[in-house]
Protein backbone atom coordinates (compact mmCIF):
# COMPACT_ATOMS: atom_id res chain seq x y z
CA MET A 1 111.19 99.12 93.08
CA ILE A 2 114.66 97.90 94.05
CA GLU A 3 114.16 99.43 97.50
CA VAL A 4 110.93 97.49 97.92
CA PHE A 5 112.57 94.25 96.77
CA ASN A 6 115.50 94.71 99.18
CA ALA A 7 113.15 95.43 102.08
CA ILE A 8 111.09 92.31 101.36
CA ALA A 9 114.28 90.25 101.08
CA ASN A 10 115.28 91.52 104.55
CA ILE A 11 111.83 90.65 105.87
CA ALA A 12 112.11 87.14 104.44
CA ILE A 13 115.51 86.53 106.04
CA ASP A 14 114.28 87.72 109.43
CA ILE A 15 111.09 85.60 109.34
CA GLU A 16 113.01 82.50 108.24
CA LYS A 17 115.46 82.96 111.11
CA GLU A 18 113.19 84.12 113.91
CA VAL A 19 109.97 82.24 113.12
CA PHE A 20 110.97 79.05 111.32
CA THR A 21 114.50 78.32 112.56
CA ASN A 22 113.75 79.52 116.11
CA TYR A 23 110.08 78.53 116.29
CA ASP A 24 110.52 77.28 119.89
CA ARG A 25 110.76 80.89 121.09
CA PHE A 26 107.02 81.22 120.43
CA THR A 27 105.99 77.99 122.15
CA SER A 28 107.34 78.60 125.65
CA ASN A 29 105.34 79.22 128.82
CA GLY A 30 102.54 76.78 127.99
CA LYS A 31 100.87 78.99 125.39
CA SER A 32 97.81 77.74 123.56
CA GLU A 33 97.95 77.11 119.83
CA LEU A 34 95.91 80.25 119.17
CA GLU A 35 98.23 82.36 121.35
CA ILE A 36 101.25 81.04 119.45
CA GLU A 37 99.65 81.82 116.10
CA ASN A 38 98.78 85.35 117.25
CA ASP A 39 102.32 85.94 118.52
CA VAL A 40 103.78 84.81 115.20
CA TYR A 41 101.35 86.94 113.23
CA ASN A 42 102.04 90.02 115.39
CA TYR A 43 105.80 89.51 115.06
CA CYS A 44 105.61 89.26 111.27
CA THR A 45 103.22 92.19 110.91
CA THR A 46 105.35 94.46 113.09
CA LEU A 47 108.46 93.45 111.16
CA ILE A 48 106.86 94.08 107.75
CA GLU A 49 105.48 97.48 108.69
CA LYS A 50 108.73 98.58 110.35
CA GLU A 51 110.83 97.54 107.33
CA CYS A 52 108.49 99.33 104.93
CA GLU A 53 108.70 102.53 106.98
CA SER A 54 112.23 103.05 105.66
CA ILE A 55 111.10 103.15 102.00
CA LYS A 56 110.22 106.64 100.78
CA SER A 57 108.36 105.33 97.74
CA VAL A 58 105.88 103.36 99.89
CA LYS A 59 102.67 105.21 100.66
CA GLY A 60 101.18 102.53 102.87
CA VAL A 61 100.83 98.85 103.72
CA ILE A 62 97.79 96.72 104.47
CA SER A 63 97.51 93.14 105.72
CA LYS A 64 94.95 90.50 104.85
CA ASP A 65 94.13 90.09 108.53
CA LYS A 66 93.82 93.73 109.66
CA LYS A 67 92.30 95.30 106.52
CA GLN A 68 93.50 98.69 107.80
CA LEU A 69 95.86 100.77 105.69
CA CYS A 70 98.93 101.84 107.63
CA THR A 71 100.01 105.10 106.01
CA ILE A 72 103.80 105.49 105.90
CA ASN A 73 104.56 108.34 103.50
CA SER A 74 101.74 110.44 102.04
CA ASP A 75 104.00 111.36 99.10
CA GLY A 76 104.81 107.74 98.27
CA LYS A 77 103.34 105.96 95.24
CA TYR A 78 103.30 102.28 96.23
CA LEU A 79 100.63 100.51 98.26
CA ILE A 80 101.72 97.11 99.54
CA SER A 81 99.26 94.36 100.39
CA TYR A 82 100.51 91.31 102.23
CA VAL A 83 99.65 87.98 103.75
CA ALA A 84 102.01 87.83 106.72
CA ILE A 85 102.10 84.03 107.09
CA ASP A 86 100.09 81.89 104.71
CA SER A 87 98.29 79.17 106.77
CA VAL A 88 99.96 80.03 110.07
CA GLU A 89 98.11 77.13 111.73
CA LEU A 90 100.49 74.71 109.95
CA LEU A 91 103.62 76.16 111.57
CA ASP A 92 104.01 73.34 114.10
CA THR A 93 104.20 70.74 111.30
CA ASN A 94 107.66 71.95 110.13
CA PHE A 95 106.12 72.50 106.70
CA SER A 96 107.01 75.10 104.08
CA LEU A 97 104.75 78.14 104.38
CA GLY A 98 104.91 81.56 102.77
CA THR A 99 104.38 85.30 102.69
CA ILE A 100 102.65 86.99 99.75
CA PHE A 101 103.09 90.62 98.65
CA GLY A 102 101.31 92.71 96.05
CA ILE A 103 102.91 96.05 95.12
CA TYR A 104 100.29 98.42 93.70
CA GLN A 105 100.59 101.99 92.50
CA ASN A 106 98.02 104.51 93.80
CA SER A 107 95.11 102.05 94.25
CA PHE A 108 94.38 98.35 94.68
CA GLU A 109 93.41 97.67 91.08
CA ALA A 110 94.79 94.84 88.96
CA ASP A 111 95.91 97.35 86.32
CA ASN A 112 97.93 99.11 89.03
CA LEU A 113 99.72 95.98 90.21
CA LYS A 114 103.39 96.68 89.46
CA ALA A 115 105.01 93.66 91.06
CA SER A 116 104.21 90.57 93.05
CA ILE A 117 106.42 88.60 95.41
CA TYR A 118 106.03 85.47 97.45
CA ILE A 119 108.46 83.73 99.77
CA THR A 120 108.54 80.09 100.79
CA TYR A 121 110.07 79.33 104.20
CA GLY A 122 111.13 76.24 106.08
CA PRO A 123 112.66 73.33 104.12
CA THR A 124 112.36 75.42 100.94
CA PHE A 125 113.56 79.00 101.50
CA GLN A 126 113.18 80.84 98.22
CA LEU A 127 111.77 84.11 96.88
CA VAL A 128 109.85 84.62 93.63
CA PHE A 129 109.61 88.11 92.13
CA ALA A 130 107.43 89.13 89.19
CA SER A 131 107.13 92.40 87.28
CA LYS A 132 106.10 93.27 83.73
CA ASP A 133 109.57 94.65 83.01
CA GLU A 134 111.56 91.69 84.33
CA GLY A 135 109.22 88.70 84.08
CA VAL A 136 109.28 86.10 86.83
CA LYS A 137 112.54 85.36 88.62
CA TYR A 138 113.31 83.23 91.60
CA PHE A 139 116.03 83.58 94.19
CA SER A 140 117.43 80.89 96.44
CA TYR A 141 118.97 81.70 99.81
CA GLU A 142 122.61 80.63 99.71
CA ASP A 143 125.59 81.76 101.79
CA ASN A 144 123.53 84.31 103.73
CA GLN A 145 122.08 86.03 100.68
CA PHE A 146 119.46 85.59 97.98
CA VAL A 147 121.07 84.38 94.76
CA GLN A 148 119.17 84.85 91.50
CA LYS A 149 118.45 81.70 89.52
CA ASP A 150 116.73 81.12 86.18
CA SER A 151 113.56 82.86 85.07
CA LEU A 152 110.36 80.86 85.50
CA ASN A 153 107.99 79.84 82.71
CA LEU A 154 105.10 77.41 82.46
CA SER A 155 104.72 74.74 79.82
CA ASN A 156 101.35 74.49 78.05
CA LYS A 157 100.48 71.37 80.04
CA GLY A 158 101.45 69.94 83.40
CA LYS A 159 100.68 67.03 85.72
CA ILE A 160 99.86 68.61 89.11
CA ASN A 161 96.28 68.87 90.36
CA SER A 162 95.89 71.07 93.46
CA THR A 163 92.31 70.89 94.65
CA ALA A 164 91.81 73.38 97.47
CA GLY A 165 88.92 73.81 99.85
CA GLY A 166 87.79 70.22 100.27
CA PHE A 167 86.79 68.01 97.35
CA ASN A 168 83.78 66.73 99.30
CA ILE A 169 82.12 70.19 99.32
CA TYR A 170 82.60 70.86 95.59
CA ASP A 171 79.47 70.99 93.47
CA GLU A 172 79.02 68.30 90.83
CA LYS A 173 80.58 70.38 88.04
CA ASN A 174 83.76 71.05 90.00
CA LYS A 175 83.98 67.45 91.19
CA THR A 176 83.80 66.41 87.55
CA ILE A 177 86.52 68.91 86.57
CA ALA A 178 88.85 67.77 89.36
CA GLN A 179 88.22 64.10 88.67
CA SER A 180 88.86 64.57 84.96
CA PHE A 181 92.41 65.68 85.74
CA PHE A 182 92.97 62.70 88.02
CA ASP A 183 91.61 60.41 85.28
CA ASP A 184 94.22 61.91 82.93
CA GLY A 185 97.01 60.91 85.31
CA TYR A 186 97.49 64.18 87.19
CA ARG A 187 99.01 63.90 90.68
CA LEU A 188 97.39 65.43 93.74
CA ARG A 189 99.70 68.04 95.25
CA PHE A 190 98.05 70.27 97.85
CA SER A 191 99.61 71.74 100.97
CA ASN A 192 97.00 74.35 102.03
CA SER A 193 99.68 77.03 101.69
CA LEU A 194 98.92 79.19 98.65
CA ALA A 195 102.54 80.24 98.22
CA LEU A 196 103.82 76.66 98.33
CA ASP A 197 101.09 75.29 96.05
CA THR A 198 101.92 78.01 93.51
CA HIS A 199 105.60 77.20 93.91
CA GLN A 200 105.02 73.54 93.09
CA ILE A 201 103.12 74.34 89.90
CA LEU A 202 105.79 76.80 88.75
CA PHE A 203 108.71 74.49 89.47
CA LYS A 204 107.01 71.50 87.87
CA LYS A 205 106.34 73.72 84.83
CA GLY A 206 102.57 73.32 84.87
CA GLY A 207 99.38 71.96 86.35
CA ILE A 208 96.16 73.32 87.80
CA TYR A 209 95.17 74.90 91.10
CA MET A 210 91.46 75.12 91.71
CA SER A 211 89.62 76.77 94.56
CA PRO A 212 86.02 76.98 93.35
CA LYS A 213 82.98 78.40 95.04
CA THR A 214 81.39 75.95 97.46
CA THR A 215 78.36 75.84 99.72
CA GLN A 216 80.60 77.04 102.55
CA ASN A 217 82.22 79.79 100.44
CA PRO A 218 79.69 80.75 97.74
CA THR A 219 81.80 83.70 96.54
CA GLY A 220 85.07 81.77 96.66
CA LEU A 221 87.75 81.55 99.32
CA LEU A 222 90.77 83.55 98.11
CA GLU A 223 90.83 87.28 98.75
CA VAL A 224 91.18 89.30 95.55
CA ILE A 225 93.57 92.06 96.62
CA PHE A 226 95.75 90.01 98.94
CA GLU A 227 95.91 86.61 97.22
CA ALA A 228 94.18 86.26 93.84
CA PHE A 229 95.62 89.36 92.14
CA PRO A 230 99.28 88.78 93.19
CA ILE A 231 99.22 85.07 92.30
CA ALA A 232 97.35 85.60 89.01
CA PHE A 233 99.89 88.29 88.09
CA ILE A 234 102.76 85.82 88.57
CA ILE A 235 101.02 82.99 86.73
CA GLU A 236 100.20 85.14 83.69
CA LEU A 237 103.75 86.46 83.47
CA CYS A 238 104.90 82.84 83.46
CA GLY A 239 102.74 82.20 80.41
CA GLY A 240 99.75 80.63 82.15
CA GLY A 241 96.25 81.76 83.02
CA ALA A 242 94.10 82.55 86.05
CA ILE A 243 90.30 82.66 85.84
CA ASP A 244 87.23 82.54 88.06
CA GLY A 245 85.83 79.78 85.86
CA GLN A 246 85.00 81.95 82.89
CA ASN A 247 86.59 85.36 83.38
CA ARG A 248 90.17 86.48 83.83
CA ILE A 249 91.02 87.21 87.49
CA LEU A 250 92.98 90.34 86.55
CA ASP A 251 89.86 91.74 84.84
CA ILE A 252 88.09 92.12 88.20
CA LYS A 253 87.40 95.84 88.66
CA THR A 254 87.40 97.96 91.85
CA PRO A 255 87.48 95.07 94.33
CA GLU A 256 86.38 95.64 97.91
CA LEU A 257 88.92 94.97 100.66
CA HIS A 258 87.09 91.82 101.80
CA GLN A 259 86.14 90.60 98.31
CA THR A 260 86.80 86.96 97.53
CA THR A 261 86.73 84.99 94.30
CA PRO A 262 86.77 81.43 93.00
CA ILE A 263 90.04 80.83 91.19
CA TYR A 264 91.55 78.34 88.78
CA TYR A 265 95.13 78.95 87.70
CA GLY A 266 97.89 77.10 85.95
CA SER A 267 99.12 76.24 82.48
CA ASN A 268 97.11 77.00 79.37
CA ASP A 269 95.83 73.51 78.49
CA GLU A 270 94.38 73.09 81.99
CA ILE A 271 92.76 76.54 81.95
CA ALA A 272 91.22 75.85 78.54
CA LYS A 273 89.80 72.59 79.90
CA VAL A 274 88.26 74.36 82.91
CA LYS A 275 86.70 76.97 80.63
CA SER A 276 85.12 74.23 78.52
CA TYR A 277 83.09 73.08 81.54
CA PHE A 278 81.69 76.56 82.11
C-alpha cells in the first residue's frame, strides 16, 4: 500500500503544479471552455495511469469518465478507481477542487475497499488517506513534500449543512430535512466539489452532506464505485455515518459501473436525524 500512497502523492504534486499553478497553459490559442476541460481531464488521466504503471501490486485502474478498466499487471491485487478532477468545470474560478481514489482488492465491492484517498488542490493543497489499519490521516504540502498532521475524527454533532444537487428540485421530505438543519442554526457550506465539501465537514468536525434523489436524478447523483464508496469509507473511519436515507452506503452489494445512489453523510447526530425522516 505504501507504493500506492507514494504514487498518488506524486500525482497530486504534479496536478497541483501543472494544472492549478500553471492553469494558463491550458487556456492558450483561443480554446473553448469544453476544449480546456477535456485537455485538463486528458492530462490528469494520462498522468494517473502512467504513474500507476510503475506499481507491481496494481492490477488495473478505471476512471469515472471512461468506465474502462486499464489493465496494468495481471498478477497485481489492487484495482484503483478514480475521479481525475472533481467538478473540472470550476477550474477557471481559482477554487479548490479535488481528485478521489478508491483502492480495492480483486473487485469493486465495498468489503474489498482497502483504502481511500482524496486530494484538495488550489488554495488548499492537502491529501487525506484512510485505511482500516491506520484510520484517517491528513497530509499538508509543506517545503516540497507532504507532511503528516493529526488524525481526523468527527464529533457527534456539527454545524455545516451541505445541500447538493439544487434545493429547488428536492422533494418535500428532503426540503424539510434540509430546512430543519438550517432552522437549528447550521451554516450552508457547498462548493460543488465532493472532495472539498467532504474536507470542510471533516475539518469542522461534523455536519451533514446530502445529495438525495430528485426528479432529475431519481437514483441519486453520486456514482457508487467512484464517489460514494470511497467517501463513505473515510467518513465511517472518522466515526460518522453514510446512508442512502435508510441503508448504509457500504452495504450496497455488487454495484454496476454506472450505478448511482442518493447519499447523506456526516456526524452521527445528523445521520440519526435523517434516518428519523425515512
